Amino acid sequence: MAEVVETDAGPARITWHRAARPRLVLAVSHGAGGGIDARDLRALAAVLPGHGVSVALVEQPWRVAGKKVAPAPKTLDTGWRGIWPHVTRPGLPVISGGRSAGARVACRTAAGLGAHAVLALSFPLHPPGRPEKSRAAELLGAGVPTLVVQGGNDPFGTPAEFPDGPFDLVEVPYGDHGFAVPKRAPTTEGQALEIITAGVARWAAALPAGASGR
């Protein structure tokens, strides 16, 4: 079920994949170069409701408007804040999630929104080839339990490049920024998606109940 909601950045769209007996909501958005049809987002929406997690796939206003280039981070954060009252409406704890640029938005806004936790898919730790331009501070400043799911060959930051910190990390072997794996890799694309969904389901099941925070 999809609903269009108004935000201060323009209309956003939320597509719900509801659990029969939900205990959590995962609100998760796309990156700067794609939409909610990303393979990892589709897989999570298909699997997590069976684990008691309703999934809200969020299309940022710029995507709903048909634009091809994402706006400035401040505008992305504004759009995300605007959808929050709608994803919290079921009255359940909400995991704030996103892939790539969406993961940065989730980290930057988590504490202010009262997110229960953060799911960061393919967190862009730095621009490709520019490790000195680290965005680790955004990840480390999330302020709530955080899971990073990262491809082993992600040019925006491999798992080995991440600093020690108060977050969990699941590596997708051989995966690139979109979690695609080479055809000759020992890990298949199907196995890569299973690693993602199983890792997120296991982490979500272990989250503390009740209010957000550590």
N, C-alpha and C. Protein backbone atom coordinates (compact mmCIF):
# COMPACT_ATOMS: atom_id res chain seq x y z
N MET A 1 0.83 -1.19 0.00
CA MET A 1 0.00 0.00 0.00
C MET A 1 0.87 1.25 0.00
N ALA A 2 0.63 2.18 -0.91
CA ALA A 2 1.43 3.39 -1.01
C ALA A 2 0.59 4.59 -0.62
N GLU A 3 1.20 5.53 0.08
CA GLU A 3 0.52 6.77 0.43
C GLU A 3 1.47 7.94 0.16
N VAL A 4 0.91 9.03 -0.36
CA VAL A 4 1.68 10.25 -0.58
C VAL A 4 1.46 11.16 0.62
N VAL A 5 2.56 11.66 1.18
CA VAL A 5 2.48 12.51 2.37
C VAL A 5 3.20 13.82 2.10
N GLU A 6 2.71 14.87 2.70
CA GLU A 6 3.30 16.18 2.50
C GLU A 6 4.46 16.41 3.48
N THR A 7 5.54 16.97 2.97
CA THR A 7 6.67 17.39 3.80
C THR A 7 7.05 18.80 3.39
N ASP A 8 7.91 19.44 4.16
CA ASP A 8 8.36 20.79 3.83
C ASP A 8 9.29 20.81 2.63
N ALA A 9 9.68 19.62 2.15
CA ALA A 9 10.52 19.52 0.95
C ALA A 9 9.69 19.08 -0.26
N GLY A 10 8.36 18.94 -0.07
CA GLY A 10 7.50 18.47 -1.14
C GLY A 10 6.88 17.13 -0.79
N PRO A 11 6.00 16.62 -1.65
CA PRO A 11 5.35 15.33 -1.37
C PRO A 11 6.34 14.17 -1.42
N ALA A 12 6.26 13.29 -0.43
CA ALA A 12 7.03 12.04 -0.40
C ALA A 12 6.03 10.90 -0.53
N ARG A 13 6.55 9.70 -0.81
CA ARG A 13 5.67 8.54 -0.96
C ARG A 13 6.18 7.41 -0.08
N ILE A 14 5.25 6.79 0.64
CA ILE A 14 5.57 5.68 1.53
C ILE A 14 4.83 4.44 1.05
N THR A 15 5.58 3.37 0.78
CA THR A 15 4.99 2.10 0.38
C THR A 15 5.17 1.11 1.52
N TRP A 16 4.04 0.64 2.05
CA TRP A 16 4.06 -0.22 3.24
C TRP A 16 4.06 -1.70 2.87
N HIS A 17 4.87 -2.45 3.60
CA HIS A 17 4.86 -3.91 3.57
C HIS A 17 4.70 -4.34 5.03
N ARG A 18 3.48 -4.65 5.41
CA ARG A 18 3.15 -4.78 6.82
C ARG A 18 3.28 -6.23 7.32
N ALA A 19 3.78 -6.34 8.54
CA ALA A 19 3.81 -7.63 9.22
C ALA A 19 2.42 -7.92 9.78
N ALA A 20 2.09 -9.19 9.90
CA ALA A 20 0.79 -9.57 10.44
C ALA A 20 0.68 -9.17 11.92
N ARG A 21 1.78 -9.37 12.65
CA ARG A 21 1.80 -9.00 14.07
C ARG A 21 3.08 -8.23 14.34
N PRO A 22 3.14 -6.96 13.94
CA PRO A 22 4.39 -6.20 14.00
C PRO A 22 4.78 -5.81 15.42
N ARG A 23 6.08 -5.79 15.65
CA ARG A 23 6.61 -5.27 16.91
C ARG A 23 7.54 -4.09 16.67
N LEU A 24 7.96 -3.93 15.40
CA LEU A 24 8.84 -2.83 15.00
C LEU A 24 8.42 -2.35 13.62
N VAL A 25 8.82 -1.12 13.29
CA VAL A 25 8.71 -0.60 11.93
C VAL A 25 10.11 -0.25 11.45
N LEU A 26 10.44 -0.64 10.23
CA LEU A 26 11.65 -0.18 9.58
C LEU A 26 11.24 0.81 8.49
N ALA A 27 11.56 2.07 8.69
CA ALA A 27 11.36 3.09 7.66
C ALA A 27 12.69 3.28 6.95
N VAL A 28 12.73 3.00 5.66
CA VAL A 28 14.01 2.96 4.96
C VAL A 28 13.89 3.65 3.60
N SER A 29 14.89 4.45 3.28
CA SER A 29 14.87 5.22 2.04
C SER A 29 16.03 4.83 1.13
N HIS A 30 15.98 5.35 -0.06
CA HIS A 30 16.92 5.03 -1.13
C HIS A 30 18.14 5.96 -1.10
N GLY A 31 19.04 5.76 -2.04
CA GLY A 31 20.20 6.61 -2.17
C GLY A 31 19.98 7.75 -3.15
N ALA A 32 21.09 8.43 -3.48
CA ALA A 32 21.02 9.59 -4.37
C ALA A 32 20.93 9.19 -5.84
N GLY A 33 21.18 7.92 -6.13
CA GLY A 33 21.19 7.50 -7.53
C GLY A 33 20.17 6.45 -7.88
N GLY A 34 19.22 6.19 -7.00
CA GLY A 34 18.25 5.14 -7.28
C GLY A 34 17.01 5.31 -6.43
N GLY A 35 16.11 4.34 -6.54
CA GLY A 35 14.86 4.41 -5.80
C GLY A 35 14.64 3.20 -4.93
N ILE A 36 13.39 2.96 -4.58
CA ILE A 36 13.06 1.88 -3.65
C ILE A 36 13.04 0.51 -4.35
N ASP A 37 13.39 0.49 -5.63
CA ASP A 37 13.50 -0.79 -6.33
C ASP A 37 14.89 -1.41 -6.19
N ALA A 38 15.75 -0.81 -5.37
CA ALA A 38 17.08 -1.37 -5.12
C ALA A 38 16.95 -2.78 -4.57
N ARG A 39 17.87 -3.65 -4.96
CA ARG A 39 17.75 -5.08 -4.62
C ARG A 39 17.70 -5.32 -3.12
N ASP A 40 18.47 -4.58 -2.34
CA ASP A 40 18.47 -4.80 -0.89
C ASP A 40 17.16 -4.33 -0.26
N LEU A 41 16.63 -3.21 -0.74
CA LEU A 41 15.38 -2.72 -0.19
C LEU A 41 14.22 -3.66 -0.52
N ARG A 42 14.20 -4.16 -1.75
CA ARG A 42 13.15 -5.12 -2.14
C ARG A 42 13.23 -6.38 -1.28
N ALA A 43 14.45 -6.87 -1.06
CA ALA A 43 14.63 -8.09 -0.27
C ALA A 43 14.18 -7.89 1.18
N LEU A 44 14.53 -6.76 1.76
CA LEU A 44 14.12 -6.50 3.14
C LEU A 44 12.60 -6.39 3.25
N ALA A 45 11.98 -5.74 2.28
CA ALA A 45 10.52 -5.60 2.30
C ALA A 45 9.82 -6.94 2.16
N ALA A 46 10.46 -7.89 1.46
CA ALA A 46 9.87 -9.21 1.28
C ALA A 46 10.05 -10.11 2.50
N VAL A 47 11.17 -9.96 3.20
CA VAL A 47 11.53 -10.90 4.26
C VAL A 47 11.15 -10.43 5.67
N LEU A 48 11.39 -9.16 5.97
CA LEU A 48 11.25 -8.71 7.36
C LEU A 48 9.83 -8.80 7.92
N PRO A 49 8.77 -8.59 7.13
CA PRO A 49 7.43 -8.74 7.72
C PRO A 49 7.21 -10.12 8.34
N GLY A 50 7.87 -11.14 7.81
CA GLY A 50 7.77 -12.47 8.39
C GLY A 50 8.48 -12.60 9.73
N HIS A 51 9.25 -11.57 10.09
CA HIS A 51 9.96 -11.54 11.37
C HIS A 51 9.38 -10.48 12.30
N GLY A 52 8.15 -10.05 12.01
CA GLY A 52 7.50 -9.09 12.89
C GLY A 52 7.91 -7.65 12.69
N VAL A 53 8.51 -7.33 11.55
CA VAL A 53 8.94 -5.96 11.26
C VAL A 53 8.19 -5.45 10.03
N SER A 54 7.33 -4.46 10.21
CA SER A 54 6.69 -3.81 9.07
C SER A 54 7.71 -2.89 8.40
N VAL A 55 7.72 -2.90 7.08
CA VAL A 55 8.70 -2.12 6.33
C VAL A 55 7.99 -1.00 5.57
N ALA A 56 8.46 0.22 5.77
CA ALA A 56 7.96 1.38 5.05
C ALA A 56 9.05 1.85 4.11
N LEU A 57 8.88 1.62 2.80
CA LEU A 57 9.84 2.08 1.80
C LEU A 57 9.50 3.52 1.45
N VAL A 58 10.45 4.41 1.67
CA VAL A 58 10.18 5.84 1.53
C VAL A 58 10.89 6.41 0.31
N GLU A 59 10.10 7.04 -0.55
CA GLU A 59 10.64 7.77 -1.69
C GLU A 59 10.70 9.25 -1.34
N GLN A 60 11.90 9.79 -1.35
CA GLN A 60 12.10 11.19 -1.01
C GLN A 60 11.39 12.09 -2.01
N PRO A 61 11.03 13.32 -1.61
CA PRO A 61 10.30 14.22 -2.49
C PRO A 61 10.94 14.45 -3.86
N TRP A 62 12.25 14.47 -3.92
CA TRP A 62 12.87 14.73 -5.22
C TRP A 62 12.63 13.58 -6.19
N ARG A 63 12.54 12.36 -5.67
CA ARG A 63 12.23 11.22 -6.54
C ARG A 63 10.76 11.25 -6.97
N VAL A 64 9.88 11.58 -6.04
CA VAL A 64 8.46 11.67 -6.36
C VAL A 64 8.23 12.73 -7.43
N ALA A 65 9.01 13.80 -7.38
CA ALA A 65 8.87 14.89 -8.35
C ALA A 65 9.50 14.55 -9.70
N GLY A 66 10.16 13.39 -9.81
CA GLY A 66 10.74 12.97 -11.08
C GLY A 66 12.11 13.56 -11.38
N LYS A 67 12.75 14.14 -10.38
CA LYS A 67 14.08 14.71 -10.58
C LYS A 67 15.13 13.61 -10.56
N LYS A 68 16.22 13.84 -11.28
CA LYS A 68 17.27 12.83 -11.41
C LYS A 68 18.45 13.07 -10.47
N VAL A 69 18.51 14.25 -9.88
CA VAL A 69 19.64 14.59 -9.01
C VAL A 69 19.10 14.92 -7.63
N ALA A 70 19.70 14.32 -6.62
CA ALA A 70 19.27 14.56 -5.25
C ALA A 70 19.64 15.98 -4.82
N PRO A 71 18.83 16.59 -3.96
CA PRO A 71 19.15 17.93 -3.46
C PRO A 71 20.21 17.87 -2.37
N ALA A 72 20.45 19.03 -1.76
CA ALA A 72 21.46 19.15 -0.70
C ALA A 72 21.05 18.33 0.52
N PRO A 73 22.03 17.90 1.33
CA PRO A 73 21.72 17.11 2.53
C PRO A 73 20.66 17.73 3.43
N LYS A 74 20.69 19.04 3.58
CA LYS A 74 19.71 19.70 4.44
C LYS A 74 18.29 19.45 3.96
N THR A 75 18.10 19.46 2.63
CA THR A 75 16.77 19.22 2.06
C THR A 75 16.37 17.77 2.22
N LEU A 76 17.33 16.86 2.07
CA LEU A 76 17.03 15.44 2.31
C LEU A 76 16.58 15.21 3.75
N ASP A 77 17.27 15.85 4.69
CA ASP A 77 16.90 15.71 6.10
C ASP A 77 15.50 16.27 6.34
N THR A 78 15.16 17.37 5.68
CA THR A 78 13.83 17.97 5.84
C THR A 78 12.75 17.01 5.35
N GLY A 79 12.99 16.38 4.19
CA GLY A 79 12.04 15.42 3.67
C GLY A 79 11.85 14.24 4.62
N TRP A 80 12.95 13.77 5.20
CA TRP A 80 12.88 12.63 6.11
C TRP A 80 12.13 12.98 7.38
N ARG A 81 12.38 14.15 7.90
CA ARG A 81 11.65 14.58 9.11
C ARG A 81 10.15 14.67 8.82
N GLY A 82 9.82 15.05 7.60
CA GLY A 82 8.41 15.21 7.25
C GLY A 82 7.63 13.91 7.19
N ILE A 83 8.32 12.81 6.88
CA ILE A 83 7.62 11.52 6.80
C ILE A 83 7.51 10.86 8.16
N TRP A 84 8.27 11.32 9.13
CA TRP A 84 8.39 10.62 10.41
C TRP A 84 7.05 10.46 11.14
N PRO A 85 6.21 11.49 11.21
CA PRO A 85 4.93 11.30 11.90
C PRO A 85 4.08 10.19 11.29
N HIS A 86 4.26 9.93 10.00
CA HIS A 86 3.46 8.91 9.33
C HIS A 86 3.98 7.49 9.62
N VAL A 87 5.29 7.33 9.76
CA VAL A 87 5.82 5.99 10.03
C VAL A 87 5.74 5.64 11.51
N THR A 88 5.58 6.65 12.36
CA THR A 88 5.42 6.38 13.80
C THR A 88 3.95 6.20 14.17
N ARG A 89 3.05 6.43 13.23
CA ARG A 89 1.62 6.37 13.52
C ARG A 89 1.15 5.03 14.08
N PRO A 90 1.75 3.89 13.64
CA PRO A 90 1.32 2.62 14.26
C PRO A 90 1.60 2.51 15.74
N GLY A 91 2.40 3.44 16.29
CA GLY A 91 2.70 3.42 17.71
C GLY A 91 3.76 2.43 18.12
N LEU A 92 4.57 1.99 17.15
CA LEU A 92 5.63 1.03 17.41
C LEU A 92 7.00 1.71 17.33
N PRO A 93 8.04 1.13 17.96
CA PRO A 93 9.39 1.66 17.79
C PRO A 93 9.78 1.63 16.31
N VAL A 94 10.45 2.68 15.86
CA VAL A 94 10.81 2.80 14.45
C VAL A 94 12.32 2.80 14.26
N ILE A 95 12.79 1.89 13.43
CA ILE A 95 14.18 1.88 12.98
C ILE A 95 14.27 2.83 11.80
N SER A 96 15.17 3.80 11.88
CA SER A 96 15.39 4.74 10.79
C SER A 96 16.48 4.18 9.89
N GLY A 97 16.15 3.96 8.62
CA GLY A 97 17.11 3.31 7.73
C GLY A 97 17.25 3.99 6.39
N GLY A 98 18.30 3.62 5.70
CA GLY A 98 18.51 4.13 4.36
C GLY A 98 19.71 3.46 3.74
N ARG A 99 19.78 3.57 2.41
CA ARG A 99 20.96 3.07 1.72
C ARG A 99 21.72 4.27 1.15
N SER A 100 23.05 4.20 1.25
CA SER A 100 23.94 5.23 0.73
C SER A 100 23.59 6.61 1.31
N ALA A 101 23.21 7.57 0.47
CA ALA A 101 22.87 8.90 0.99
C ALA A 101 21.73 8.82 1.99
N GLY A 102 20.81 7.87 1.79
CA GLY A 102 19.73 7.68 2.74
C GLY A 102 20.21 7.22 4.10
N ALA A 103 21.31 6.46 4.12
CA ALA A 103 21.90 6.04 5.39
C ALA A 103 22.48 7.23 6.14
N ARG A 104 23.06 8.17 5.41
CA ARG A 104 23.58 9.39 6.04
C ARG A 104 22.44 10.19 6.66
N VAL A 105 21.33 10.30 5.94
CA VAL A 105 20.16 11.02 6.46
C VAL A 105 19.69 10.36 7.75
N ALA A 106 19.58 9.03 7.74
CA ALA A 106 19.11 8.31 8.93
C ALA A 106 20.01 8.58 10.13
N CYS A 107 21.31 8.57 9.90
CA CYS A 107 22.26 8.82 10.99
C CYS A 107 22.15 10.25 11.52
N ARG A 108 22.07 11.21 10.59
CA ARG A 108 22.05 12.62 11.00
C ARG A 108 20.81 12.99 11.80
N THR A 109 19.69 12.33 11.51
CA THR A 109 18.41 12.74 12.10
C THR A 109 17.93 11.83 13.22
N ALA A 110 18.61 10.72 13.47
CA ALA A 110 18.09 9.69 14.38
C ALA A 110 17.81 10.23 15.78
N ALA A 111 18.77 10.90 16.36
CA ALA A 111 18.61 11.35 17.74
C ALA A 111 17.48 12.37 17.86
N GLY A 112 17.43 13.31 16.93
CA GLY A 112 16.41 14.34 16.98
C GLY A 112 15.00 13.81 16.79
N LEU A 113 14.86 12.75 16.01
CA LEU A 113 13.55 12.18 15.74
C LEU A 113 13.12 11.14 16.78
N GLY A 114 14.05 10.72 17.61
CA GLY A 114 13.74 9.68 18.58
C GLY A 114 13.68 8.30 17.97
N ALA A 115 14.50 8.05 16.96
CA ALA A 115 14.54 6.73 16.32
C ALA A 115 14.95 5.67 17.33
N HIS A 116 14.39 4.48 17.16
CA HIS A 116 14.72 3.35 18.06
C HIS A 116 16.12 2.83 17.74
N ALA A 117 16.50 2.88 16.47
CA ALA A 117 17.79 2.38 16.01
C ALA A 117 18.00 2.89 14.59
N VAL A 118 19.18 2.62 14.03
CA VAL A 118 19.51 3.02 12.66
C VAL A 118 20.02 1.82 11.89
N LEU A 119 19.52 1.67 10.66
CA LEU A 119 20.05 0.68 9.72
C LEU A 119 20.70 1.44 8.57
N ALA A 120 22.01 1.27 8.41
CA ALA A 120 22.78 1.97 7.38
C ALA A 120 23.25 0.96 6.34
N LEU A 121 22.60 0.96 5.19
CA LEU A 121 22.96 0.06 4.09
C LEU A 121 23.92 0.79 3.16
N SER A 122 25.08 0.18 2.91
CA SER A 122 26.09 0.78 2.02
C SER A 122 26.39 2.21 2.44
N PHE A 123 26.74 2.38 3.72
CA PHE A 123 27.07 3.73 4.20
C PHE A 123 28.25 4.28 3.41
N PRO A 124 28.11 5.47 2.80
CA PRO A 124 29.21 6.03 1.99
C PRO A 124 30.24 6.70 2.88
N LEU A 125 31.15 5.91 3.40
CA LEU A 125 32.13 6.40 4.37
C LEU A 125 32.97 7.53 3.82
N HIS A 126 33.22 7.47 2.51
CA HIS A 126 33.98 8.54 1.84
C HIS A 126 33.68 8.48 0.35
N PRO A 127 33.93 9.55 -0.40
CA PRO A 127 33.79 9.46 -1.86
C PRO A 127 34.82 8.47 -2.41
N PRO A 128 34.50 7.78 -3.50
CA PRO A 128 35.46 6.82 -4.07
C PRO A 128 36.84 7.45 -4.31
N GLY A 129 37.86 6.76 -3.80
CA GLY A 129 39.22 7.24 -3.98
C GLY A 129 39.61 8.40 -3.10
N ARG A 130 38.74 8.80 -2.18
CA ARG A 130 39.04 9.97 -1.32
C ARG A 130 38.84 9.61 0.15
N PRO A 131 39.62 8.68 0.67
CA PRO A 131 39.41 8.25 2.05
C PRO A 131 39.62 9.38 3.06
N GLU A 132 40.33 10.43 2.67
CA GLU A 132 40.56 11.54 3.60
C GLU A 132 39.28 12.36 3.83
N LYS A 133 38.28 12.18 2.96
CA LYS A 133 37.00 12.89 3.10
C LYS A 133 36.01 12.02 3.88
N SER A 134 36.38 11.67 5.08
CA SER A 134 35.59 10.71 5.87
C SER A 134 34.28 11.31 6.37
N ARG A 135 33.23 10.49 6.35
CA ARG A 135 31.94 10.87 6.91
C ARG A 135 31.65 10.05 8.17
N ALA A 136 32.69 9.53 8.76
CA ALA A 136 32.52 8.67 9.94
C ALA A 136 31.80 9.38 11.07
N ALA A 137 31.98 10.69 11.17
CA ALA A 137 31.36 11.43 12.28
C ALA A 137 29.84 11.31 12.24
N GLU A 138 29.26 11.26 11.04
CA GLU A 138 27.81 11.11 10.94
C GLU A 138 27.37 9.76 11.51
N LEU A 139 28.10 8.72 11.16
CA LEU A 139 27.77 7.38 11.64
C LEU A 139 27.97 7.28 13.14
N LEU A 140 29.08 7.78 13.62
CA LEU A 140 29.39 7.68 15.04
C LEU A 140 28.48 8.56 15.89
N GLY A 141 27.86 9.55 15.27
CA GLY A 141 27.00 10.47 16.02
C GLY A 141 25.54 10.10 16.01
N ALA A 142 25.19 8.92 15.49
CA ALA A 142 23.78 8.55 15.39
C ALA A 142 23.10 8.53 16.75
N GLY A 143 23.80 8.06 17.77
CA GLY A 143 23.27 8.13 19.13
C GLY A 143 22.30 7.04 19.52
N VAL A 144 22.07 6.06 18.62
CA VAL A 144 21.16 4.94 18.91
C VAL A 144 21.81 3.67 18.38
N PRO A 145 21.34 2.49 18.76
CA PRO A 145 21.92 1.26 18.21
C PRO A 145 21.90 1.30 16.68
N THR A 146 23.02 0.95 16.09
CA THR A 146 23.20 1.09 14.64
C THR A 146 23.79 -0.17 14.04
N LEU A 147 23.24 -0.56 12.89
CA LEU A 147 23.79 -1.66 12.11
C LEU A 147 24.21 -1.12 10.74
N VAL A 148 25.45 -1.40 10.37
CA VAL A 148 25.96 -1.09 9.04
C VAL A 148 26.03 -2.39 8.25
N VAL A 149 25.47 -2.39 7.05
CA VAL A 149 25.59 -3.53 6.13
C VAL A 149 26.39 -3.03 4.94
N GLN A 150 27.58 -3.61 4.74
CA GLN A 150 28.52 -3.05 3.78
C GLN A 150 29.10 -4.12 2.86
N GLY A 151 29.17 -3.80 1.58
CA GLY A 151 29.80 -4.70 0.63
C GLY A 151 31.30 -4.76 0.80
N GLY A 152 31.86 -5.96 0.64
CA GLY A 152 33.30 -6.14 0.81
C GLY A 152 34.14 -5.38 -0.19
N ASN A 153 33.55 -5.03 -1.34
CA ASN A 153 34.27 -4.29 -2.38
C ASN A 153 33.63 -2.93 -2.65
N ASP A 154 33.02 -2.35 -1.65
CA ASP A 154 32.35 -1.06 -1.83
C ASP A 154 33.38 0.05 -2.00
N PRO A 155 33.39 0.76 -3.15
CA PRO A 155 34.37 1.83 -3.35
C PRO A 155 34.14 3.03 -2.45
N PHE A 156 32.96 3.12 -1.83
CA PHE A 156 32.68 4.21 -0.91
C PHE A 156 33.14 3.88 0.52
N GLY A 157 33.80 2.75 0.67
CA GLY A 157 34.31 2.33 1.98
C GLY A 157 34.10 0.86 2.21
N THR A 158 35.19 0.12 2.33
CA THR A 158 35.08 -1.31 2.62
C THR A 158 34.94 -1.50 4.14
N PRO A 159 34.44 -2.65 4.57
CA PRO A 159 34.31 -2.87 6.01
C PRO A 159 35.60 -2.62 6.79
N ALA A 160 36.74 -2.97 6.20
CA ALA A 160 38.01 -2.80 6.91
C ALA A 160 38.35 -1.32 7.15
N GLU A 161 37.75 -0.43 6.39
CA GLU A 161 38.04 1.00 6.54
C GLU A 161 37.23 1.66 7.65
N PHE A 162 36.22 0.99 8.14
CA PHE A 162 35.37 1.62 9.14
C PHE A 162 36.08 1.70 10.48
N PRO A 163 35.89 2.79 11.20
CA PRO A 163 36.54 2.92 12.52
C PRO A 163 35.86 2.02 13.54
N ASP A 164 36.55 1.79 14.63
CA ASP A 164 35.89 1.14 15.75
C ASP A 164 34.83 2.08 16.29
N GLY A 165 33.73 1.55 16.70
CA GLY A 165 32.68 2.43 17.21
C GLY A 165 31.51 1.66 17.74
N PRO A 166 30.55 2.37 18.29
CA PRO A 166 29.37 1.73 18.89
C PRO A 166 28.34 1.35 17.84
N PHE A 167 28.73 0.50 16.91
CA PHE A 167 27.80 0.00 15.90
C PHE A 167 28.19 -1.42 15.52
N ASP A 168 27.21 -2.15 15.00
CA ASP A 168 27.45 -3.49 14.49
C ASP A 168 27.66 -3.41 12.98
N LEU A 169 28.38 -4.37 12.42
CA LEU A 169 28.65 -4.35 10.98
C LEU A 169 28.51 -5.75 10.41
N VAL A 170 27.74 -5.86 9.33
CA VAL A 170 27.59 -7.10 8.58
C VAL A 170 28.26 -6.89 7.22
N GLU A 171 29.20 -7.75 6.88
CA GLU A 171 29.88 -7.65 5.58
C GLU A 171 29.20 -8.57 4.56
N VAL A 172 29.01 -8.04 3.38
CA VAL A 172 28.52 -8.82 2.25
C VAL A 172 29.72 -9.11 1.36
N PRO A 173 30.30 -10.32 1.43
CA PRO A 173 31.53 -10.60 0.69
C PRO A 173 31.40 -10.30 -0.80
N TYR A 174 32.40 -9.61 -1.33
CA TYR A 174 32.52 -9.30 -2.75
C TYR A 174 31.49 -8.28 -3.24
N GLY A 175 30.61 -7.81 -2.37
CA GLY A 175 29.56 -6.90 -2.81
C GLY A 175 30.08 -5.51 -3.11
N ASP A 176 29.49 -4.88 -4.13
CA ASP A 176 29.84 -3.49 -4.43
C ASP A 176 28.87 -2.57 -3.70
N HIS A 177 28.77 -1.31 -4.13
CA HIS A 177 27.94 -0.35 -3.42
C HIS A 177 26.45 -0.70 -3.50
N GLY A 178 26.07 -1.42 -4.55
CA GLY A 178 24.69 -1.87 -4.69
C GLY A 178 24.50 -3.32 -4.28
N PHE A 179 25.52 -3.92 -3.66
CA PHE A 179 25.54 -5.32 -3.23
C PHE A 179 25.52 -6.31 -4.39
N ALA A 180 25.86 -5.84 -5.58
CA ALA A 180 26.07 -6.78 -6.68
C ALA A 180 27.42 -7.46 -6.48
N VAL A 181 27.50 -8.74 -6.86
CA VAL A 181 28.75 -9.49 -6.73
C VAL A 181 29.20 -9.96 -8.11
N PRO A 182 30.51 -10.07 -8.34
CA PRO A 182 30.99 -10.56 -9.63
C PRO A 182 30.46 -11.96 -9.93
N LYS A 183 30.27 -12.25 -11.19
CA LYS A 183 29.71 -13.55 -11.58
C LYS A 183 30.57 -14.72 -11.12
N ARG A 184 31.88 -14.51 -11.06
CA ARG A 184 32.77 -15.60 -10.68
C ARG A 184 33.10 -15.60 -9.19
N ALA A 185 32.45 -14.75 -8.41
CA ALA A 185 32.71 -14.71 -6.97
C ALA A 185 32.13 -15.96 -6.30
N PRO A 186 32.74 -16.41 -5.21
CA PRO A 186 32.20 -17.56 -4.47
C PRO A 186 30.81 -17.30 -3.90
N THR A 187 30.49 -16.03 -3.66
CA THR A 187 29.19 -15.66 -3.14
C THR A 187 28.27 -15.29 -4.31
N THR A 188 27.09 -15.89 -4.37
CA THR A 188 26.14 -15.56 -5.43
C THR A 188 25.31 -14.35 -5.01
N GLU A 189 24.60 -13.78 -5.98
CA GLU A 189 23.75 -12.63 -5.67
C GLU A 189 22.65 -13.03 -4.68
N GLY A 190 22.10 -14.23 -4.87
CA GLY A 190 21.08 -14.71 -3.94
C GLY A 190 21.62 -14.86 -2.53
N GLN A 191 22.83 -15.38 -2.41
CA GLN A 191 23.45 -15.54 -1.09
C GLN A 191 23.74 -14.18 -0.46
N ALA A 192 24.14 -13.22 -1.29
CA ALA A 192 24.40 -11.88 -0.78
C ALA A 192 23.13 -11.28 -0.17
N LEU A 193 22.01 -11.43 -0.84
CA LEU A 193 20.75 -10.91 -0.31
C LEU A 193 20.34 -11.65 0.96
N GLU A 194 20.63 -12.95 1.03
CA GLU A 194 20.32 -13.70 2.25
C GLU A 194 21.16 -13.22 3.42
N ILE A 195 22.41 -12.88 3.16
CA ILE A 195 23.27 -12.34 4.21
C ILE A 195 22.68 -11.04 4.75
N ILE A 196 22.20 -10.19 3.84
CA ILE A 196 21.61 -8.91 4.24
C ILE A 196 20.36 -9.13 5.06
N THR A 197 19.42 -9.89 4.53
CA THR A 197 18.14 -10.04 5.23
C THR A 197 18.28 -10.79 6.54
N ALA A 198 19.11 -11.84 6.56
CA ALA A 198 19.30 -12.59 7.80
C ALA A 198 20.01 -11.74 8.85
N GLY A 199 21.00 -10.97 8.41
CA GLY A 199 21.73 -10.12 9.34
C GLY A 199 20.85 -9.05 9.95
N VAL A 200 20.01 -8.42 9.12
CA VAL A 200 19.12 -7.37 9.63
C VAL A 200 18.06 -7.98 10.54
N ALA A 201 17.49 -9.11 10.15
CA ALA A 201 16.46 -9.75 10.98
C ALA A 201 17.02 -10.14 12.34
N ARG A 202 18.24 -10.68 12.35
CA ARG A 202 18.86 -11.11 13.61
C ARG A 202 19.13 -9.90 14.50
N TRP A 203 19.65 -8.83 13.92
CA TRP A 203 19.94 -7.61 14.67
C TRP A 203 18.66 -6.99 15.22
N ALA A 204 17.62 -6.91 14.38
CA ALA A 204 16.36 -6.30 14.82
C ALA A 204 15.74 -7.10 15.96
N ALA A 205 15.85 -8.43 15.89
CA ALA A 205 15.29 -9.27 16.95
C ALA A 205 15.97 -9.05 18.28
N ALA A 206 17.24 -8.64 18.24
CA ALA A 206 18.01 -8.46 19.47
C ALA A 206 17.91 -7.03 20.03
N LEU A 207 17.24 -6.12 19.31
CA LEU A 207 17.13 -4.76 19.79
C LEU A 207 16.32 -4.72 21.10
N PRO A 208 16.70 -3.85 22.01
CA PRO A 208 15.91 -3.73 23.25
C PRO A 208 14.52 -3.19 22.96
N ALA A 209 13.55 -3.61 23.72
CA ALA A 209 12.19 -3.13 23.54
C ALA A 209 12.06 -1.74 24.16
N GLY A 210 11.01 -1.05 23.76
CA GLY A 210 10.70 0.23 24.39
C GLY A 210 11.36 1.40 23.72
N ALA A 211 11.74 2.40 24.50
CA ALA A 211 12.23 3.67 23.96
C ALA A 211 13.57 3.49 23.29
N SER A 212 13.89 4.46 22.43
CA SER A 212 15.16 4.44 21.72
C SER A 212 16.31 4.74 22.66
N GLY A 213 17.52 4.56 22.14
CA GLY A 213 18.71 4.87 22.90
C GLY A 213 19.49 3.63 23.28
N ARG A 214 20.70 3.86 23.78
CA ARG A 214 21.58 2.76 24.12
C ARG A 214 21.37 2.31 25.56
